[in-house]
């Protein structure tokens, strides 16, 4: 496993991508800003590595393929 920056929160650990949720813990990385992914790390093809279903952080829902991390989870 490789430890990489969570793309859904841009490594901040907070849920600043969702309107009205500033300061809340990002659920995909549990507020840590990093996630463990299979090696070699590969960006999620469904959300293009953004972690968001509509590829626009803050204007949609977490990608259901990667769980909001932006990475292929195996």
N, C-alpha and C. Protein backbone atom coordinates (compact mmCIF):
# COMPACT_ATOMS: atom_id res chain seq x y z
N UNK A 1 0.84 -1.18 0.00
CA UNK A 1 0.00 0.00 0.00
C UNK A 1 0.88 1.24 0.00
N UNK A 2 0.37 2.28 -0.64
CA UNK A 2 1.06 3.57 -0.68
C UNK A 2 0.21 4.60 0.04
N UNK A 3 0.83 5.48 0.80
CA UNK A 3 0.12 6.56 1.51
C UNK A 3 0.24 7.81 0.63
N UNK A 4 -0.92 8.32 0.18
CA UNK A 4 -0.95 9.47 -0.72
C UNK A 4 -1.92 10.53 -0.21
N UNK A 5 -1.77 11.74 -0.74
CA UNK A 5 -2.66 12.84 -0.38
C UNK A 5 -4.08 12.56 -0.86
N UNK A 6 -5.04 12.79 -0.01
CA UNK A 6 -6.45 12.66 -0.38
C UNK A 6 -6.80 13.79 -1.33
N UNK A 7 -7.27 13.45 -2.51
CA UNK A 7 -7.60 14.47 -3.51
C UNK A 7 -8.92 15.17 -3.20
N UNK A 8 -9.84 14.46 -2.55
CA UNK A 8 -11.16 15.04 -2.26
C UNK A 8 -11.10 16.25 -1.35
N UNK A 9 -10.11 16.29 -0.45
CA UNK A 9 -9.96 17.44 0.46
C UNK A 9 -8.66 18.19 0.18
N UNK A 10 -7.95 17.78 -0.86
CA UNK A 10 -6.68 18.37 -1.24
C UNK A 10 -5.65 18.28 -0.11
N UNK A 11 -5.75 17.20 0.66
CA UNK A 11 -4.79 16.94 1.74
C UNK A 11 -5.01 17.75 3.00
N UNK A 12 -6.08 18.53 3.07
CA UNK A 12 -6.32 19.36 4.26
C UNK A 12 -6.95 18.58 5.40
N UNK A 13 -7.68 17.51 5.08
CA UNK A 13 -8.36 16.73 6.11
C UNK A 13 -9.72 17.28 6.48
N UNK A 14 -10.05 18.48 6.02
CA UNK A 14 -11.40 18.97 6.34
C UNK A 14 -12.27 18.97 5.10
N UNK A 15 -13.54 19.01 5.32
CA UNK A 15 -14.53 18.85 4.27
C UNK A 15 -14.82 20.17 3.58
N UNK A 16 -13.79 20.95 3.30
CA UNK A 16 -13.99 22.26 2.72
C UNK A 16 -14.50 22.23 1.28
N UNK A 17 -14.60 21.06 0.70
CA UNK A 17 -15.12 20.98 -0.66
C UNK A 17 -16.63 21.05 -0.75
N UNK A 18 -17.30 20.80 0.35
CA UNK A 18 -18.76 20.81 0.33
C UNK A 18 -19.29 22.09 0.95
N UNK A 19 -20.17 22.80 0.27
CA UNK A 19 -20.72 24.05 0.82
C UNK A 19 -21.36 23.84 2.18
N UNK A 20 -21.08 24.74 3.12
CA UNK A 20 -21.68 24.66 4.44
C UNK A 20 -20.99 23.70 5.39
N UNK A 21 -19.98 22.99 4.92
CA UNK A 21 -19.31 22.01 5.77
C UNK A 21 -17.87 22.41 6.10
N UNK A 22 -17.50 23.65 5.92
CA UNK A 22 -16.14 24.07 6.23
C UNK A 22 -15.79 23.74 7.68
N UNK A 23 -14.62 23.19 7.87
CA UNK A 23 -14.16 22.84 9.20
C UNK A 23 -14.53 21.45 9.65
N UNK A 24 -15.43 20.78 8.97
CA UNK A 24 -15.80 19.42 9.35
C UNK A 24 -14.82 18.43 8.75
N UNK A 25 -14.61 17.34 9.45
CA UNK A 25 -13.68 16.31 9.02
C UNK A 25 -14.12 15.67 7.70
N UNK A 26 -13.18 15.57 6.75
CA UNK A 26 -13.46 14.92 5.47
C UNK A 26 -13.60 13.42 5.72
N UNK A 27 -14.72 12.85 5.33
CA UNK A 27 -15.00 11.46 5.66
C UNK A 27 -14.15 10.46 4.87
N UNK A 28 -13.76 10.79 3.64
CA UNK A 28 -13.00 9.84 2.82
C UNK A 28 -11.64 9.51 3.44
N UNK A 29 -11.01 10.49 4.08
CA UNK A 29 -9.70 10.26 4.70
C UNK A 29 -9.78 10.30 6.22
N UNK A 30 -10.97 10.44 6.75
CA UNK A 30 -11.21 10.52 8.19
C UNK A 30 -10.46 11.70 8.83
N UNK A 31 -10.33 12.77 8.05
CA UNK A 31 -9.70 13.98 8.56
C UNK A 31 -8.18 13.96 8.58
N UNK A 32 -7.58 12.91 8.04
CA UNK A 32 -6.13 12.78 8.08
C UNK A 32 -5.43 13.46 6.89
N UNK A 33 -6.15 13.67 5.78
CA UNK A 33 -5.55 14.29 4.61
C UNK A 33 -4.76 13.33 3.74
N UNK A 34 -4.62 12.09 4.19
CA UNK A 34 -3.91 11.06 3.43
C UNK A 34 -4.70 9.77 3.46
N UNK A 35 -4.52 8.96 2.41
CA UNK A 35 -5.20 7.67 2.34
C UNK A 35 -4.22 6.61 1.86
N UNK A 36 -4.48 5.36 2.21
CA UNK A 36 -3.69 4.23 1.73
C UNK A 36 -4.36 3.66 0.49
N UNK A 37 -3.58 3.51 -0.58
CA UNK A 37 -4.10 2.98 -1.85
C UNK A 37 -3.16 1.90 -2.35
N UNK A 38 -3.67 1.00 -3.20
CA UNK A 38 -2.81 -0.03 -3.78
C UNK A 38 -1.69 0.60 -4.60
N UNK A 39 -0.53 -0.05 -4.59
CA UNK A 39 0.59 0.43 -5.41
C UNK A 39 0.53 -0.21 -6.78
N UNK A 40 0.91 0.49 -7.81
CA UNK A 40 1.23 1.91 -7.83
C UNK A 40 -0.04 2.74 -7.75
N UNK A 41 0.01 3.91 -7.10
CA UNK A 41 -1.18 4.75 -7.00
C UNK A 41 -1.70 5.16 -8.39
N UNK A 42 -3.01 5.02 -8.58
CA UNK A 42 -3.65 5.40 -9.84
C UNK A 42 -4.84 6.29 -9.54
N UNK A 43 -4.94 7.40 -10.26
CA UNK A 43 -6.09 8.30 -10.08
C UNK A 43 -7.36 7.58 -10.51
N UNK A 44 -8.46 7.88 -9.86
CA UNK A 44 -9.76 7.30 -10.21
C UNK A 44 -10.16 7.80 -11.60
N UNK A 45 -10.52 6.88 -12.48
CA UNK A 45 -10.89 7.27 -13.84
C UNK A 45 -12.30 7.86 -13.91
N UNK A 46 -13.13 7.51 -12.97
CA UNK A 46 -14.51 8.01 -13.01
C UNK A 46 -14.60 9.50 -12.69
N UNK A 47 -13.84 9.95 -11.69
CA UNK A 47 -13.89 11.37 -11.31
C UNK A 47 -12.65 12.13 -11.76
N UNK A 48 -11.77 11.45 -12.50
CA UNK A 48 -10.54 12.05 -12.99
C UNK A 48 -9.65 12.53 -11.84
N UNK A 49 -9.71 11.83 -10.71
CA UNK A 49 -8.85 12.13 -9.58
C UNK A 49 -9.27 13.30 -8.71
N UNK A 50 -10.48 13.81 -8.89
CA UNK A 50 -10.93 14.94 -8.07
C UNK A 50 -11.55 14.49 -6.77
N UNK A 51 -12.12 13.28 -6.75
CA UNK A 51 -12.83 12.78 -5.58
C UNK A 51 -14.31 13.15 -5.58
N UNK A 52 -14.73 13.90 -6.58
CA UNK A 52 -16.12 14.39 -6.65
C UNK A 52 -16.82 13.81 -7.87
N UNK A 53 -18.09 13.45 -7.69
CA UNK A 53 -18.86 12.79 -8.74
C UNK A 53 -18.99 13.62 -10.01
N UNK A 54 -19.06 14.93 -9.88
CA UNK A 54 -19.21 15.74 -11.08
C UNK A 54 -17.91 16.46 -11.44
N UNK A 55 -16.79 16.00 -10.87
CA UNK A 55 -15.44 16.53 -11.15
C UNK A 55 -15.31 18.02 -10.84
N UNK A 56 -16.14 18.52 -9.95
CA UNK A 56 -16.07 19.92 -9.55
C UNK A 56 -16.19 20.01 -8.04
N UNK A 57 -15.06 20.04 -7.32
CA UNK A 57 -15.13 20.07 -5.85
C UNK A 57 -16.06 21.15 -5.32
N UNK A 58 -16.90 20.73 -4.39
CA UNK A 58 -17.82 21.66 -3.74
C UNK A 58 -19.16 21.79 -4.43
N UNK A 59 -19.31 21.23 -5.61
CA UNK A 59 -20.56 21.37 -6.35
C UNK A 59 -21.22 20.04 -6.65
N UNK A 60 -20.98 19.05 -5.83
CA UNK A 60 -21.59 17.75 -6.09
C UNK A 60 -21.44 16.83 -4.90
N UNK A 61 -21.31 15.55 -5.19
CA UNK A 61 -21.22 14.52 -4.17
C UNK A 61 -19.92 13.75 -4.35
N UNK A 62 -19.41 13.15 -3.26
CA UNK A 62 -18.20 12.35 -3.39
C UNK A 62 -18.39 11.24 -4.42
N UNK A 63 -17.36 10.97 -5.19
CA UNK A 63 -17.40 9.92 -6.21
C UNK A 63 -17.63 8.58 -5.54
N UNK A 64 -18.59 7.81 -6.06
CA UNK A 64 -18.89 6.51 -5.45
C UNK A 64 -17.87 5.44 -5.85
N UNK A 65 -17.08 5.68 -6.88
CA UNK A 65 -16.07 4.68 -7.29
C UNK A 65 -14.85 4.70 -6.37
N UNK A 66 -14.42 5.88 -5.96
CA UNK A 66 -13.22 5.99 -5.13
C UNK A 66 -13.54 6.38 -3.69
N UNK A 67 -14.81 6.58 -3.39
CA UNK A 67 -15.20 6.96 -2.05
C UNK A 67 -14.84 8.39 -1.67
N UNK A 68 -14.50 9.19 -2.67
CA UNK A 68 -14.16 10.58 -2.42
C UNK A 68 -12.68 10.85 -2.23
N UNK A 69 -11.84 9.83 -2.44
CA UNK A 69 -10.40 10.01 -2.25
C UNK A 69 -9.71 10.51 -3.51
N UNK A 70 -10.29 10.21 -4.67
CA UNK A 70 -9.65 10.57 -5.94
C UNK A 70 -8.70 9.50 -6.47
N UNK A 71 -8.58 8.40 -5.75
CA UNK A 71 -7.64 7.33 -6.11
C UNK A 71 -8.37 6.01 -6.36
N UNK A 72 -7.84 5.21 -7.26
CA UNK A 72 -8.34 3.85 -7.48
C UNK A 72 -8.08 3.06 -6.21
N UNK A 73 -9.12 2.45 -5.66
CA UNK A 73 -8.99 1.77 -4.37
C UNK A 73 -8.88 0.26 -4.47
N UNK A 74 -8.85 -0.25 -5.68
CA UNK A 74 -8.66 -1.70 -5.86
C UNK A 74 -9.90 -2.44 -5.73
